[in-house]
Amino acid sequence: MLSTSFVLLAGLASVYGAALQKRVTCPTGQQTANAACCVLFPVLDDIQNNMFAGDTCSDAAHTALRVAFHDAIGWSDNDPTFGTGADGSMFIFGETELGFGANLGIADAFNLEVPFIKKHNISVADFIQFAATVSLTKCPGILQPPFMLGRVDATFPAPDGTVPEPFQNIDVILARMADAGLSAAETVALLASHSIAGADDVDPTISGLPFDSTPSIFDTQFFVETQLRGTLFPGSSGNQGEVMSPIAGEIRLQSDHLFARDSLTNCLWQANVNNQNHMATTFRDAFAHMQLLGQDPTQMVDCSDVIPVPPPLAAANARSVFPPGLTHSDIEQACASTAFPNLATAPGAALTVPNIVQSPLTDGDCDDDGTGCDFATFT
């Protein structure tokens, strides 16, 4: 496999260039630039109509997005025993990897996706990343993401410790990400995924806790609300990796809290506030890089034209605001070089953010400790 130092440039040279002209018609009737991409249209139709049926950037989409990172980060530029990156090992060796503490809750993705993987003729590695890419297109605010086809499946599991933990310090997390070939700027960019995410297991008493007040919209509220002073817990206190949040019903990870305040990352964090284009562009590019960790892009095919167009972002959501009842005085300023932007306060009573409704498709025989997560026998 190739080093990740040139993966993004080598693998995605055509993604943001001139529109491809040559078209082929697939057996299903859809058109694409490369016949190799035809295999994706039956997968797309199936997951759109069944796995993501009725999902408008909610639990199924969040689940598919989360597992893409957990699978891909099993890679090191320096230690080949760390895994082979975006290689499907999270599912192929589910009984092993899903038992790791950092992968708590990924059993939901196994239950959701494995029955669909077994119906289609693409690699497990490609399915995980394809489903994640399609999941993004459920969320207003996302720029249309690229997709490369041709990942090679894992032959051995990634070891414990490749996925950063929310209770770790920022220097530890950044060192792990750098070892995988991802910069501090890319790490912060990837954390924009928490704008469309929820936590099921940090607080064991509550599932579907959102990280910001708009968990079905890819907007910059996450970066605003993480900079606000925490005052309460959404459920029980004393959970490892959780600190107080500013809004009822919202959860804040300790790592997100520190990324917003640590001198290594606080200005990178603040740069996303009220800058939708910056957040969306840097996330798109970092996510594309992450999806190719450990893989050889010169042996892959650009199938970006298979990916649906995301829904548009409403103009009101393109502007950051302080939640009702909160103002600039509630911000914990951290970036030393630039003041936090002045924002309007949204009208109305103080918010209580509702839990994210859980998809029944995430329930199944695969459990959080890896029990029942045998890919070969799972149905």
Foldseek 3Di string as FASTA:
>chain_A
DDALQCCLCVQCVPVPDDDQDAWDAAPVGDIFRDNVLSLCPVLVVCCPCPLCNVPQLFASLQLLQVVQLVQQLQAFSVDPLSWQGLALLCQQVVLANLQAPQNFPNLLVLLSPLVSVVVGPAGNSQSSLVSNLLSCLSAALAFQAWGKGDHHHTPDHGDHPSHDDLQDAPVVVQVSCVRLVAHLLLVLLQCLSLLQHAAAPQPVVHGQQHQAQRNSHSFLRSLVQLQFDFDAAQDDPDGRQWDGGNAHSHTDGNNSNNLCAPQVHVVSSLVRALASVVSNVSNSSSSVSSSCRSHDSVRIDTRSVSHDHHDHDDPVRSGHAAEPPDAPVRGDDHHPPDGRDHHHYDDDDGDHRDGGDHDPSSDDQQHSNSPPSNSVPHD
